[in-house]
N, C-alpha and C. Protein backbone atom coordinates (compact mmCIF):
# COMPACT_ATOMS: atom_id res chain seq x y z
N MET A 1 35.68 -43.19 44.81
CA MET A 1 36.20 -42.07 44.09
C MET A 1 35.46 -41.95 42.72
N LYS A 2 35.28 -43.16 42.09
CA LYS A 2 34.64 -43.20 40.73
C LYS A 2 33.14 -42.77 40.98
N LYS A 3 32.48 -43.19 42.02
CA LYS A 3 31.17 -42.88 42.34
C LYS A 3 31.02 -41.38 42.44
N ALA A 4 31.92 -40.69 43.18
CA ALA A 4 31.91 -39.30 43.40
C ALA A 4 32.17 -38.55 42.02
N LEU A 5 32.91 -39.11 41.20
CA LEU A 5 33.20 -38.42 39.94
C LEU A 5 31.95 -38.54 39.07
N ILE A 6 31.31 -39.73 39.09
CA ILE A 6 30.05 -39.84 38.27
C ILE A 6 29.02 -38.99 38.73
N VAL A 7 28.79 -38.83 40.04
CA VAL A 7 27.79 -37.94 40.60
C VAL A 7 28.13 -36.48 40.21
N PHE A 8 29.32 -36.01 40.28
CA PHE A 8 29.80 -34.68 39.85
C PHE A 8 29.50 -34.42 38.45
N ALA A 9 29.75 -35.47 37.63
CA ALA A 9 29.54 -35.35 36.18
C ALA A 9 28.11 -35.12 35.85
N ILE A 10 27.15 -35.87 36.51
CA ILE A 10 25.76 -35.72 36.39
C ILE A 10 25.29 -34.34 36.79
N TYR A 11 25.84 -33.95 37.96
CA TYR A 11 25.46 -32.66 38.52
C TYR A 11 25.86 -31.49 37.53
N LEU A 12 27.07 -31.59 37.02
CA LEU A 12 27.53 -30.58 36.09
C LEU A 12 26.76 -30.54 34.83
N THR A 13 26.38 -31.72 34.30
CA THR A 13 25.49 -31.85 33.10
C THR A 13 24.09 -31.16 33.33
N VAL A 14 23.55 -31.32 34.54
CA VAL A 14 22.34 -30.81 34.85
C VAL A 14 22.35 -29.27 34.85
N ILE A 15 23.52 -28.64 35.48
CA ILE A 15 23.74 -27.30 35.51
C ILE A 15 23.92 -26.71 34.10
N VAL A 16 24.67 -27.30 33.23
CA VAL A 16 24.93 -26.82 31.95
C VAL A 16 23.61 -26.89 31.12
N SER A 17 22.87 -27.95 31.35
CA SER A 17 21.62 -28.08 30.62
C SER A 17 20.69 -27.00 31.01
N ALA A 18 20.66 -26.66 32.30
CA ALA A 18 19.77 -25.64 32.76
C ALA A 18 20.13 -24.27 32.23
N ILE A 19 21.42 -23.98 32.31
CA ILE A 19 22.00 -22.79 31.73
C ILE A 19 21.61 -22.49 30.24
N ALA A 20 21.77 -23.60 29.48
CA ALA A 20 21.64 -23.64 28.11
C ALA A 20 20.19 -23.54 27.52
N GLN A 21 19.13 -23.62 28.35
CA GLN A 21 17.72 -23.54 28.04
C GLN A 21 17.36 -22.20 27.49
N PRO A 22 16.83 -22.01 26.25
CA PRO A 22 16.37 -20.82 25.71
C PRO A 22 15.31 -20.12 26.68
N LYS A 23 15.39 -18.82 26.82
CA LYS A 23 14.41 -18.10 27.73
C LYS A 23 13.22 -17.65 26.91
N LYS A 24 12.03 -18.07 27.46
CA LYS A 24 10.77 -17.65 26.82
C LYS A 24 10.54 -16.25 26.92
N VAL A 25 10.16 -15.60 25.82
CA VAL A 25 9.69 -14.22 25.91
C VAL A 25 8.32 -14.08 26.51
N VAL A 26 8.16 -13.37 27.54
CA VAL A 26 6.85 -13.18 28.31
C VAL A 26 6.31 -11.73 27.90
N ASN A 27 5.27 -11.65 27.17
CA ASN A 27 4.76 -10.44 26.66
C ASN A 27 3.85 -9.73 27.77
N PRO A 28 4.06 -8.40 27.75
CA PRO A 28 3.09 -7.62 28.63
C PRO A 28 1.65 -7.77 28.26
N SER A 29 0.63 -7.35 28.97
CA SER A 29 -0.76 -7.58 28.73
C SER A 29 -1.17 -6.93 27.46
N ASN A 30 -0.55 -5.93 26.97
CA ASN A 30 -0.98 -5.25 25.70
C ASN A 30 -0.42 -5.86 24.42
N ILE A 31 0.33 -6.94 24.59
CA ILE A 31 1.01 -7.55 23.37
C ILE A 31 0.41 -9.06 23.21
N ALA A 32 0.00 -9.43 21.97
CA ALA A 32 -0.46 -10.73 21.77
C ALA A 32 0.28 -11.28 20.53
N SER A 33 0.71 -12.36 20.68
CA SER A 33 1.47 -13.02 19.56
C SER A 33 0.79 -14.38 19.18
N GLU A 34 0.88 -14.83 17.86
CA GLU A 34 0.37 -16.00 17.31
C GLU A 34 1.37 -17.06 17.50
N ALA A 35 2.50 -16.91 18.17
CA ALA A 35 3.43 -17.99 18.31
C ALA A 35 4.27 -17.67 19.63
N ASN A 36 4.86 -18.61 20.17
CA ASN A 36 5.87 -18.41 21.21
C ASN A 36 7.23 -18.10 20.80
N PHE A 37 7.79 -17.04 21.46
CA PHE A 37 9.19 -16.70 21.11
C PHE A 37 10.13 -17.02 22.28
N TYR A 38 11.45 -17.30 21.85
CA TYR A 38 12.40 -17.55 22.87
C TYR A 38 13.71 -16.77 22.49
N ILE A 39 14.52 -16.53 23.49
CA ILE A 39 15.88 -15.92 23.22
C ILE A 39 16.89 -16.94 23.76
N ASP A 40 17.80 -17.24 22.77
CA ASP A 40 18.95 -18.14 23.03
C ASP A 40 20.21 -17.34 22.72
N GLY A 41 20.82 -16.79 23.65
CA GLY A 41 21.93 -15.99 23.36
C GLY A 41 21.50 -14.62 22.64
N ASN A 42 22.01 -14.52 21.47
CA ASN A 42 21.55 -13.39 20.64
C ASN A 42 20.57 -13.79 19.51
N GLU A 43 20.02 -15.00 19.58
CA GLU A 43 19.21 -15.52 18.55
C GLU A 43 17.76 -15.60 19.04
N LEU A 44 16.82 -15.28 18.01
CA LEU A 44 15.49 -15.38 18.30
C LEU A 44 14.85 -16.73 17.86
N LEU A 45 14.29 -17.42 18.70
CA LEU A 45 13.65 -18.74 18.32
C LEU A 45 12.17 -18.73 18.37
N SER A 46 11.49 -19.53 17.69
CA SER A 46 10.07 -19.50 17.61
C SER A 46 9.55 -20.90 17.34
N ASP A 47 8.18 -21.10 17.69
CA ASP A 47 7.62 -22.40 17.42
C ASP A 47 6.64 -22.35 16.22
N ALA A 48 6.71 -21.30 15.45
CA ALA A 48 5.90 -21.06 14.21
C ALA A 48 6.58 -20.01 13.28
N ILE A 49 6.31 -20.25 12.03
CA ILE A 49 6.69 -19.36 10.96
C ILE A 49 5.44 -19.29 9.91
N VAL A 50 5.30 -18.09 9.27
CA VAL A 50 4.33 -17.97 8.29
C VAL A 50 4.95 -18.10 6.87
N VAL A 51 4.34 -18.81 5.98
CA VAL A 51 4.83 -18.88 4.56
C VAL A 51 3.70 -18.89 3.63
N LYS A 52 4.03 -18.11 2.48
CA LYS A 52 2.92 -18.01 1.46
C LYS A 52 3.56 -18.63 0.14
N PHE A 53 2.88 -19.63 -0.36
CA PHE A 53 3.35 -20.29 -1.70
C PHE A 53 2.69 -19.54 -2.83
N LYS A 54 3.50 -19.50 -3.88
CA LYS A 54 3.03 -18.84 -5.11
C LYS A 54 1.99 -19.68 -5.82
N GLU A 55 2.07 -20.98 -5.73
CA GLU A 55 1.06 -21.82 -6.39
C GLU A 55 0.59 -22.89 -5.48
N LYS A 56 -0.22 -23.77 -5.99
CA LYS A 56 -0.77 -24.72 -5.08
C LYS A 56 0.12 -25.83 -4.77
N VAL A 57 0.87 -25.52 -3.71
CA VAL A 57 1.93 -26.49 -3.20
C VAL A 57 1.28 -27.54 -2.29
N VAL A 58 0.36 -27.00 -1.34
CA VAL A 58 -0.26 -27.77 -0.34
C VAL A 58 -1.61 -28.27 -0.97
N MET A 59 -1.75 -29.50 -1.17
CA MET A 59 -2.93 -30.14 -1.96
C MET A 59 -4.05 -30.53 -1.01
N SER A 60 -3.83 -30.62 0.34
CA SER A 60 -4.87 -31.05 1.16
C SER A 60 -4.92 -30.06 2.41
N ASP A 61 -6.06 -29.71 2.87
CA ASP A 61 -6.28 -28.90 4.07
C ASP A 61 -6.54 -29.80 5.36
N ASP A 62 -6.25 -31.05 5.28
CA ASP A 62 -6.43 -32.00 6.38
C ASP A 62 -5.25 -31.82 7.32
N ASP A 63 -5.40 -31.03 8.44
CA ASP A 63 -4.48 -30.77 9.36
C ASP A 63 -3.78 -32.01 10.09
N ALA A 64 -4.64 -33.14 9.99
CA ALA A 64 -4.21 -34.40 10.62
C ALA A 64 -3.13 -35.15 9.83
N LYS A 65 -3.03 -34.68 8.59
CA LYS A 65 -1.93 -35.32 7.70
C LYS A 65 -0.65 -34.70 8.01
N THR A 66 0.45 -35.40 7.69
CA THR A 66 1.83 -34.93 7.71
C THR A 66 1.97 -34.03 6.50
N PHE A 67 3.08 -33.10 6.67
CA PHE A 67 3.26 -32.26 5.55
C PHE A 67 3.66 -33.07 4.26
N SER A 68 4.34 -34.19 4.55
CA SER A 68 4.71 -34.96 3.34
C SER A 68 3.58 -35.57 2.62
N GLN A 69 2.43 -35.81 3.34
CA GLN A 69 1.27 -36.24 2.69
C GLN A 69 0.41 -35.18 2.02
N ARG A 70 0.67 -33.86 2.39
CA ARG A 70 -0.17 -32.85 1.92
C ARG A 70 0.50 -32.08 0.79
N ILE A 71 1.81 -32.06 0.77
CA ILE A 71 2.48 -31.23 -0.25
C ILE A 71 2.71 -32.05 -1.55
N ASP A 72 2.44 -31.45 -2.66
CA ASP A 72 2.48 -32.07 -3.96
C ASP A 72 4.02 -32.59 -4.19
N SER A 73 4.01 -33.76 -4.45
CA SER A 73 5.28 -34.39 -4.64
C SER A 73 6.23 -33.88 -5.62
N LYS A 74 5.71 -33.03 -6.62
CA LYS A 74 6.56 -32.43 -7.52
C LYS A 74 7.38 -31.31 -7.09
N PHE A 75 7.08 -30.85 -5.81
CA PHE A 75 7.82 -29.82 -5.07
C PHE A 75 8.81 -30.48 -4.18
N GLU A 76 9.79 -31.16 -4.84
CA GLU A 76 10.72 -31.96 -4.11
C GLU A 76 11.61 -31.18 -3.18
N ASN A 77 11.97 -29.90 -3.72
CA ASN A 77 12.87 -29.09 -2.87
C ASN A 77 12.19 -28.64 -1.62
N THR A 78 10.91 -28.30 -1.75
CA THR A 78 10.15 -27.79 -0.45
C THR A 78 10.11 -28.95 0.48
N LEU A 79 9.85 -30.12 0.01
CA LEU A 79 9.80 -31.41 0.93
C LEU A 79 11.18 -31.54 1.51
N ASN A 80 12.18 -31.45 0.79
CA ASN A 80 13.57 -31.68 1.32
C ASN A 80 13.96 -30.75 2.40
N VAL A 81 13.54 -29.36 2.16
CA VAL A 81 13.90 -28.34 3.15
C VAL A 81 13.23 -28.53 4.47
N LEU A 82 11.91 -28.87 4.25
CA LEU A 82 11.08 -29.12 5.53
C LEU A 82 11.58 -30.40 6.29
N LYS A 83 12.03 -31.34 5.58
CA LYS A 83 12.58 -32.53 6.31
C LYS A 83 13.84 -32.17 6.99
N GLU A 84 14.68 -31.29 6.39
CA GLU A 84 15.86 -30.76 7.04
C GLU A 84 15.61 -29.90 8.25
N ILE A 85 14.57 -29.04 8.17
CA ILE A 85 14.11 -28.24 9.34
C ILE A 85 13.63 -29.17 10.38
N GLU A 86 12.96 -30.22 10.06
CA GLU A 86 12.28 -31.24 11.02
C GLU A 86 13.41 -31.82 11.92
N LYS A 87 14.61 -31.91 11.47
CA LYS A 87 15.62 -32.50 12.32
C LYS A 87 15.95 -31.77 13.64
N LYS A 88 15.71 -30.54 13.52
CA LYS A 88 15.82 -29.60 14.76
C LYS A 88 14.46 -29.23 15.37
N ALA A 89 13.53 -29.10 14.54
CA ALA A 89 12.17 -28.58 14.99
C ALA A 89 11.34 -29.64 15.50
N GLY A 90 11.64 -30.92 15.21
CA GLY A 90 10.68 -31.99 15.59
C GLY A 90 9.52 -31.95 14.69
N LYS A 91 8.52 -32.61 15.07
CA LYS A 91 7.29 -32.64 14.17
C LYS A 91 6.85 -31.29 13.71
N ILE A 92 6.50 -31.22 12.39
CA ILE A 92 6.10 -29.92 11.78
C ILE A 92 4.70 -30.02 11.35
N ARG A 93 3.73 -29.15 11.69
CA ARG A 93 2.43 -29.14 11.32
C ARG A 93 2.12 -27.98 10.45
N LEU A 94 1.46 -28.28 9.36
CA LEU A 94 1.05 -27.28 8.41
C LEU A 94 -0.46 -26.79 8.81
N VAL A 95 -0.60 -25.44 9.22
CA VAL A 95 -1.85 -25.12 9.50
C VAL A 95 -2.31 -23.87 8.64
N LYS A 96 -3.48 -24.08 7.93
CA LYS A 96 -3.84 -22.99 7.04
C LYS A 96 -4.22 -21.78 7.80
N SER A 97 -3.66 -20.67 7.39
CA SER A 97 -3.81 -19.41 8.28
C SER A 97 -5.11 -18.77 8.09
N ILE A 98 -5.76 -18.82 6.82
CA ILE A 98 -7.06 -18.21 6.64
C ILE A 98 -7.97 -19.38 6.22
N LYS A 99 -8.72 -19.83 7.16
CA LYS A 99 -9.55 -21.15 6.92
C LYS A 99 -10.37 -21.04 5.71
N ASN A 100 -11.09 -19.97 5.50
CA ASN A 100 -11.95 -19.84 4.49
C ASN A 100 -11.61 -19.39 3.17
N ALA A 101 -10.23 -19.16 3.08
CA ALA A 101 -9.58 -18.76 1.90
C ALA A 101 -9.77 -19.83 0.76
N ASP A 102 -10.45 -19.37 -0.41
CA ASP A 102 -10.75 -20.28 -1.49
C ASP A 102 -10.22 -19.74 -2.83
N PRO A 103 -9.29 -20.51 -3.59
CA PRO A 103 -8.75 -19.98 -4.76
C PRO A 103 -9.80 -19.90 -5.82
N ASN A 104 -10.97 -20.60 -5.79
CA ASN A 104 -12.04 -20.54 -6.61
C ASN A 104 -13.09 -19.46 -6.36
N ASN A 105 -12.84 -18.68 -5.33
CA ASN A 105 -13.81 -17.69 -4.91
C ASN A 105 -13.17 -16.43 -4.59
N LEU A 106 -12.71 -15.75 -5.74
CA LEU A 106 -11.87 -14.61 -5.53
C LEU A 106 -12.49 -13.29 -5.96
N THR A 107 -13.78 -13.39 -6.45
CA THR A 107 -14.48 -12.20 -6.91
C THR A 107 -15.41 -11.54 -5.83
N ARG A 108 -15.26 -10.29 -5.59
CA ARG A 108 -15.96 -9.56 -4.68
C ARG A 108 -16.56 -8.29 -5.42
N ILE A 109 -17.53 -7.66 -4.66
CA ILE A 109 -18.13 -6.49 -5.24
C ILE A 109 -17.62 -5.28 -4.45
N ASN A 110 -17.05 -4.35 -5.01
CA ASN A 110 -16.72 -3.04 -4.39
C ASN A 110 -17.92 -2.30 -3.92
N LYS A 111 -18.06 -2.11 -2.50
CA LYS A 111 -19.20 -1.50 -1.98
C LYS A 111 -19.32 -0.01 -2.38
N ARG A 112 -18.23 0.59 -2.69
CA ARG A 112 -18.30 2.00 -3.14
C ARG A 112 -18.66 2.22 -4.59
N THR A 113 -18.10 1.47 -5.49
CA THR A 113 -18.50 1.53 -6.84
C THR A 113 -19.47 0.50 -7.41
N GLY A 114 -19.68 -0.55 -6.63
CA GLY A 114 -20.69 -1.53 -7.16
C GLY A 114 -20.11 -2.45 -8.27
N LYS A 115 -18.76 -2.20 -8.56
CA LYS A 115 -18.22 -3.08 -9.58
C LYS A 115 -17.45 -4.36 -8.96
N PRO A 116 -17.35 -5.32 -9.75
CA PRO A 116 -16.69 -6.52 -9.31
C PRO A 116 -15.19 -6.34 -9.28
N LEU A 117 -14.41 -7.02 -8.35
CA LEU A 117 -13.06 -6.84 -8.26
C LEU A 117 -12.50 -8.29 -7.83
N THR A 118 -11.20 -8.46 -8.01
CA THR A 118 -10.58 -9.74 -7.72
C THR A 118 -9.76 -9.66 -6.53
N ILE A 119 -9.90 -10.36 -5.50
CA ILE A 119 -9.09 -10.22 -4.24
C ILE A 119 -7.83 -11.19 -4.52
N LYS A 120 -6.86 -10.90 -3.71
CA LYS A 120 -5.68 -11.72 -3.71
C LYS A 120 -5.89 -13.17 -3.16
N ASP A 121 -5.36 -14.27 -3.80
CA ASP A 121 -5.47 -15.62 -3.38
C ASP A 121 -4.64 -15.86 -2.13
N LEU A 122 -5.32 -15.99 -0.97
CA LEU A 122 -4.53 -16.35 0.30
C LEU A 122 -4.77 -17.80 0.68
N SER A 123 -5.09 -18.55 -0.11
CA SER A 123 -5.40 -20.04 0.17
C SER A 123 -4.13 -20.80 0.46
N GLN A 124 -2.88 -20.21 0.06
CA GLN A 124 -1.68 -20.82 0.18
C GLN A 124 -0.84 -20.24 1.24
N VAL A 125 -1.51 -19.57 2.13
CA VAL A 125 -0.79 -19.03 3.35
C VAL A 125 -0.92 -20.01 4.51
N TYR A 126 0.21 -20.44 5.00
CA TYR A 126 0.24 -21.45 6.09
C TYR A 126 1.23 -21.04 7.21
N HIS A 127 0.74 -21.53 8.36
CA HIS A 127 1.65 -21.43 9.51
C HIS A 127 2.35 -22.77 9.67
N LEU A 128 3.66 -22.68 9.73
CA LEU A 128 4.45 -23.94 10.03
C LEU A 128 4.56 -23.95 11.53
N ARG A 129 4.06 -24.89 12.21
CA ARG A 129 4.12 -25.01 13.62
C ARG A 129 5.08 -26.09 14.05
N PHE A 130 6.11 -25.73 14.89
CA PHE A 130 7.12 -26.71 15.18
C PHE A 130 7.01 -27.31 16.65
N GLU A 131 7.29 -28.49 16.74
CA GLU A 131 7.33 -29.09 17.99
C GLU A 131 8.34 -28.55 19.06
N ASN A 132 9.45 -28.20 18.48
CA ASN A 132 10.52 -27.52 19.23
C ASN A 132 10.83 -26.16 18.56
N PRO A 133 11.05 -25.17 19.41
CA PRO A 133 11.50 -23.87 18.89
C PRO A 133 12.79 -23.85 18.07
N VAL A 134 12.90 -23.22 17.04
CA VAL A 134 13.96 -23.18 16.18
C VAL A 134 14.36 -21.70 15.76
N SER A 135 15.49 -21.53 15.20
CA SER A 135 15.95 -20.21 14.85
C SER A 135 15.10 -19.58 13.68
N VAL A 136 14.50 -18.47 14.06
CA VAL A 136 13.70 -17.67 13.06
C VAL A 136 14.42 -17.43 11.78
N THR A 137 15.63 -16.79 12.00
CA THR A 137 16.49 -16.33 10.81
C THR A 137 16.87 -17.54 9.99
N SER A 138 17.30 -18.64 10.60
CA SER A 138 17.67 -19.80 9.82
C SER A 138 16.50 -20.43 9.02
N VAL A 139 15.35 -20.61 9.53
CA VAL A 139 14.21 -21.12 8.86
C VAL A 139 13.74 -20.20 7.69
N ILE A 140 13.76 -18.99 7.96
CA ILE A 140 13.38 -18.06 6.88
C ILE A 140 14.37 -18.13 5.66
N ASN A 141 15.64 -18.17 6.12
CA ASN A 141 16.61 -18.32 5.04
C ASN A 141 16.56 -19.56 4.27
N GLN A 142 16.12 -20.71 4.93
CA GLN A 142 16.01 -21.91 4.20
C GLN A 142 14.90 -21.90 3.25
N LEU A 143 13.80 -21.27 3.67
CA LEU A 143 12.55 -21.23 2.84
C LEU A 143 12.48 -20.28 1.67
N LYS A 144 13.05 -19.07 1.98
CA LYS A 144 12.74 -17.98 1.14
C LYS A 144 13.62 -18.18 -0.32
N GLY A 145 14.49 -19.06 -0.30
CA GLY A 145 15.15 -19.33 -1.55
C GLY A 145 14.43 -20.30 -2.56
N LEU A 146 13.35 -20.87 -2.10
CA LEU A 146 12.56 -21.82 -2.79
C LEU A 146 11.80 -21.04 -3.82
N PRO A 147 11.88 -21.43 -5.12
CA PRO A 147 11.15 -20.68 -6.23
C PRO A 147 9.63 -20.71 -6.03
N GLU A 148 9.08 -21.65 -5.34
CA GLU A 148 7.66 -21.75 -5.14
C GLU A 148 7.22 -20.93 -3.91
N VAL A 149 8.04 -20.30 -3.17
CA VAL A 149 7.71 -19.55 -1.99
C VAL A 149 7.65 -18.01 -2.31
N GLU A 150 6.52 -17.46 -2.04
CA GLU A 150 6.27 -15.95 -2.39
C GLU A 150 6.98 -15.18 -1.32
N TYR A 151 6.56 -15.53 0.01
CA TYR A 151 7.16 -14.78 1.00
C TYR A 151 7.11 -15.71 2.27
N VAL A 152 7.98 -15.43 3.29
CA VAL A 152 8.00 -16.07 4.57
C VAL A 152 8.45 -15.10 5.61
N HIS A 153 7.78 -15.08 6.72
CA HIS A 153 8.19 -14.24 7.81
C HIS A 153 7.92 -14.80 9.17
N GLN A 154 8.37 -14.16 10.22
CA GLN A 154 8.06 -14.62 11.53
C GLN A 154 6.60 -14.53 11.88
N ALA A 155 6.12 -15.26 12.90
CA ALA A 155 4.75 -15.10 13.41
C ALA A 155 4.40 -13.60 13.81
N ILE A 156 3.21 -13.20 13.61
CA ILE A 156 2.87 -11.80 13.88
C ILE A 156 2.62 -11.52 15.36
N THR A 157 3.07 -10.28 15.76
CA THR A 157 2.84 -9.83 17.08
C THR A 157 2.14 -8.55 17.03
N LEU A 158 0.96 -8.55 17.85
CA LEU A 158 0.15 -7.32 17.92
C LEU A 158 0.33 -6.56 19.09
N VAL A 159 0.35 -5.16 19.07
CA VAL A 159 0.39 -4.37 20.21
C VAL A 159 -0.87 -3.51 20.25
N TYR A 160 -1.57 -3.75 21.41
CA TYR A 160 -2.81 -3.04 21.60
C TYR A 160 -2.55 -1.73 22.30
N ASN A 161 -3.21 -0.67 21.80
CA ASN A 161 -3.15 0.67 22.45
C ASN A 161 -4.47 0.84 23.19
N PHE A 162 -4.38 1.07 24.53
CA PHE A 162 -5.52 1.18 25.27
C PHE A 162 -5.82 2.72 25.49
N SER A 163 -7.14 3.06 25.27
CA SER A 163 -7.46 4.45 25.56
C SER A 163 -8.79 4.40 26.40
N PRO A 164 -8.77 5.20 27.34
CA PRO A 164 -10.00 5.24 28.32
C PRO A 164 -11.28 5.66 27.65
N ASN A 165 -12.40 5.16 28.05
CA ASN A 165 -13.70 5.55 27.50
C ASN A 165 -14.36 6.68 28.34
N ASP A 166 -13.61 7.23 29.21
CA ASP A 166 -14.17 8.38 30.04
C ASP A 166 -14.14 9.63 29.24
N PRO A 167 -15.32 10.16 28.83
CA PRO A 167 -15.30 11.36 28.04
C PRO A 167 -14.61 12.59 28.70
N ILE A 168 -14.39 12.56 30.04
CA ILE A 168 -13.74 13.68 30.74
C ILE A 168 -12.24 13.57 30.42
N PHE A 169 -11.68 12.43 30.02
CA PHE A 169 -10.36 12.25 29.79
C PHE A 169 -9.69 13.29 28.81
N VAL A 170 -10.54 13.59 27.80
CA VAL A 170 -10.01 14.49 26.77
C VAL A 170 -10.16 16.01 27.15
N SER A 171 -10.90 16.30 28.23
CA SER A 171 -11.14 17.62 28.62
C SER A 171 -9.95 18.19 29.35
N PRO A 172 -9.79 19.54 29.38
CA PRO A 172 -8.76 20.15 29.97
C PRO A 172 -8.64 19.89 31.45
N SER A 173 -9.71 19.45 32.15
CA SER A 173 -9.73 19.19 33.55
C SER A 173 -8.78 18.01 33.88
N GLN A 174 -8.48 17.11 32.92
CA GLN A 174 -7.62 15.97 33.27
C GLN A 174 -6.28 16.06 32.54
N TRP A 175 -5.77 17.30 32.34
CA TRP A 175 -4.49 17.39 31.69
C TRP A 175 -3.34 16.72 32.38
N ASN A 176 -3.57 16.41 33.67
CA ASN A 176 -2.46 15.88 34.49
C ASN A 176 -2.22 14.40 34.01
N LEU A 177 -3.19 13.67 33.52
CA LEU A 177 -2.94 12.21 33.09
C LEU A 177 -1.93 12.22 31.91
N THR A 178 -2.22 13.09 30.97
CA THR A 178 -1.22 13.12 29.80
C THR A 178 0.00 13.71 30.28
N ALA A 179 0.11 14.58 31.20
CA ALA A 179 1.32 15.19 31.57
C ALA A 179 2.27 14.09 32.17
N VAL A 180 1.65 13.11 32.87
CA VAL A 180 2.52 12.12 33.59
C VAL A 180 2.53 10.85 32.59
N GLN A 181 2.13 11.03 31.34
CA GLN A 181 2.28 9.95 30.34
C GLN A 181 1.51 8.67 30.83
N ALA A 182 0.28 8.83 31.37
CA ALA A 182 -0.59 7.71 31.77
C ALA A 182 -0.94 6.87 30.60
N PRO A 183 -1.26 7.39 29.44
CA PRO A 183 -1.61 6.51 28.35
C PRO A 183 -0.49 5.44 27.97
N SER A 184 0.75 5.92 28.11
CA SER A 184 1.80 5.00 27.85
C SER A 184 1.88 3.83 28.92
N ALA A 185 1.46 4.14 30.11
CA ALA A 185 1.54 3.19 31.19
C ALA A 185 0.32 2.22 30.95
N TRP A 186 -0.76 2.77 30.47
CA TRP A 186 -1.86 1.89 30.18
C TRP A 186 -1.72 0.93 29.13
N ASN A 187 -0.77 1.19 28.26
CA ASN A 187 -0.39 0.31 27.05
C ASN A 187 0.39 -0.88 27.68
N SER A 188 1.02 -0.75 28.93
CA SER A 188 1.78 -1.77 29.46
C SER A 188 0.84 -2.57 30.45
N THR A 189 0.01 -1.98 31.08
CA THR A 189 -0.91 -2.64 32.08
C THR A 189 -2.13 -1.80 32.38
N SER A 190 -3.30 -2.43 32.40
CA SER A 190 -4.48 -1.66 32.72
C SER A 190 -4.99 -1.93 34.22
N GLY A 191 -3.99 -2.48 34.92
CA GLY A 191 -4.29 -2.67 36.36
C GLY A 191 -5.00 -4.03 36.58
N SER A 192 -5.34 -4.34 37.88
CA SER A 192 -5.96 -5.52 38.27
C SER A 192 -6.95 -5.30 39.45
N SER A 193 -8.05 -5.95 39.45
CA SER A 193 -8.93 -5.75 40.60
C SER A 193 -8.50 -6.33 41.87
N SER A 194 -7.35 -7.17 41.78
CA SER A 194 -6.79 -7.84 43.02
C SER A 194 -5.76 -6.87 43.68
N ILE A 195 -5.51 -5.66 43.08
CA ILE A 195 -4.59 -4.69 43.61
C ILE A 195 -5.37 -3.66 44.47
N SER A 196 -5.01 -3.49 45.72
CA SER A 196 -5.66 -2.44 46.57
C SER A 196 -4.81 -1.20 46.56
N ILE A 197 -5.44 -0.16 46.58
CA ILE A 197 -4.76 1.19 46.60
C ILE A 197 -5.41 1.98 47.76
N GLY A 198 -4.54 2.94 48.26
CA GLY A 198 -4.98 3.85 49.36
C GLY A 198 -5.20 5.30 48.70
N LEU A 199 -6.31 5.97 49.22
CA LEU A 199 -6.53 7.25 48.77
C LEU A 199 -6.24 8.22 49.84
N ALA A 200 -5.19 9.13 49.72
CA ALA A 200 -4.97 10.02 50.81
C ALA A 200 -5.58 11.36 50.44
N ASP A 201 -6.88 11.32 50.57
CA ASP A 201 -7.70 12.49 50.23
C ASP A 201 -8.92 12.62 51.02
N GLN A 202 -9.57 13.73 51.02
CA GLN A 202 -10.86 13.86 51.65
C GLN A 202 -11.97 14.16 50.62
N GLY A 203 -13.15 13.96 51.05
CA GLY A 203 -14.25 14.12 50.03
C GLY A 203 -14.24 13.13 48.85
N VAL A 204 -13.94 11.91 49.11
CA VAL A 204 -13.91 10.89 48.01
C VAL A 204 -15.32 10.49 47.84
N ASN A 205 -15.82 10.49 46.54
CA ASN A 205 -17.15 10.01 46.27
C ASN A 205 -17.27 8.54 45.90
N PHE A 206 -17.53 7.77 46.97
CA PHE A 206 -17.48 6.34 46.71
C PHE A 206 -18.78 5.85 45.98
N ASN A 207 -19.65 6.71 45.64
CA ASN A 207 -20.82 6.47 44.75
C ASN A 207 -20.45 6.63 43.30
N HIS A 208 -19.28 7.09 42.93
CA HIS A 208 -18.79 7.21 41.51
C HIS A 208 -18.77 5.87 40.98
N GLU A 209 -19.04 5.73 39.62
CA GLU A 209 -19.14 4.43 39.01
C GLU A 209 -17.76 3.71 39.01
N ASP A 210 -16.62 4.53 39.09
CA ASP A 210 -15.38 3.81 39.16
C ASP A 210 -15.03 3.31 40.46
N LEU A 211 -15.74 3.72 41.56
CA LEU A 211 -15.43 3.37 42.90
C LEU A 211 -16.53 2.53 43.60
N TYR A 212 -17.72 2.70 43.06
CA TYR A 212 -18.98 2.11 43.76
C TYR A 212 -18.74 0.61 43.96
N GLY A 213 -18.85 0.11 45.19
CA GLY A 213 -18.73 -1.38 45.47
C GLY A 213 -17.35 -1.82 45.56
N LYS A 214 -16.42 -1.00 45.47
CA LYS A 214 -15.01 -1.45 45.37
C LYS A 214 -14.25 -1.04 46.74
N LYS A 215 -14.84 -0.30 47.60
CA LYS A 215 -14.25 -0.02 48.87
C LYS A 215 -14.17 -1.26 49.75
N ASN A 216 -12.91 -1.66 50.25
CA ASN A 216 -12.74 -2.86 51.04
C ASN A 216 -12.51 -2.54 52.59
N ARG A 217 -12.66 -1.40 52.92
CA ARG A 217 -12.65 -0.97 54.40
C ARG A 217 -13.78 -0.09 54.56
N SER A 218 -14.33 -0.25 55.68
CA SER A 218 -15.47 0.61 56.14
C SER A 218 -15.09 1.79 57.09
N ASP A 219 -13.81 1.76 57.55
CA ASP A 219 -13.32 2.84 58.50
C ASP A 219 -12.35 3.79 57.72
N ASN A 220 -12.11 4.87 58.28
CA ASN A 220 -11.22 5.84 57.81
C ASN A 220 -9.90 5.81 58.44
N ALA A 221 -8.81 5.94 57.77
CA ALA A 221 -7.54 5.96 58.46
C ALA A 221 -7.10 7.47 58.58
N ILE A 222 -6.74 7.88 59.68
CA ILE A 222 -6.13 9.13 59.90
C ILE A 222 -4.74 9.12 60.39
N THR A 223 -3.79 9.80 59.82
CA THR A 223 -2.41 9.83 60.15
C THR A 223 -2.03 11.31 60.49
């Protein structure tokens, strides 16, 4: 009886553990993100956050070092907050977002006027990359209250808008593609060469550049 109860308890633990796992967000082909995102109930989790420090908080660009070795010890509050986040996030890596950003090289020449200008110092923008996904809202709230933090936000997600390079697309002869909202569909997927389609039509020009060499049957089907 005890053995049966132990087996049942282990089985129940496995089920509960499986149910409790955060669900990874899978992006469609036209969306790219610089981090992984997960949904846990109503909460958004991620394995990265972007933070911009107001002053030189991070003293070293050596990614191999721990954040404790790279952050100036005078910023004790920042170190303590990151150590607190680390309890849930596991190992935290500081990754410089703009590799060639140099605080000593901020002068540029305006190409239109030919006059010098000073660009914004982005050398203290870092991605905090976490070993385990953590609550985006929670981490942002913990960091944004620090006086040395200029801003903090979740990792960026880009949405690509696909437009065909066919010059005939914009002509009146292909009004039907816009009518069926084909551009919106292309933003979700642009198709795949592994998908076969059937053409229920006569007079198909298989020498057309979009079809040439792609016909996978040599016979005609008649119904």
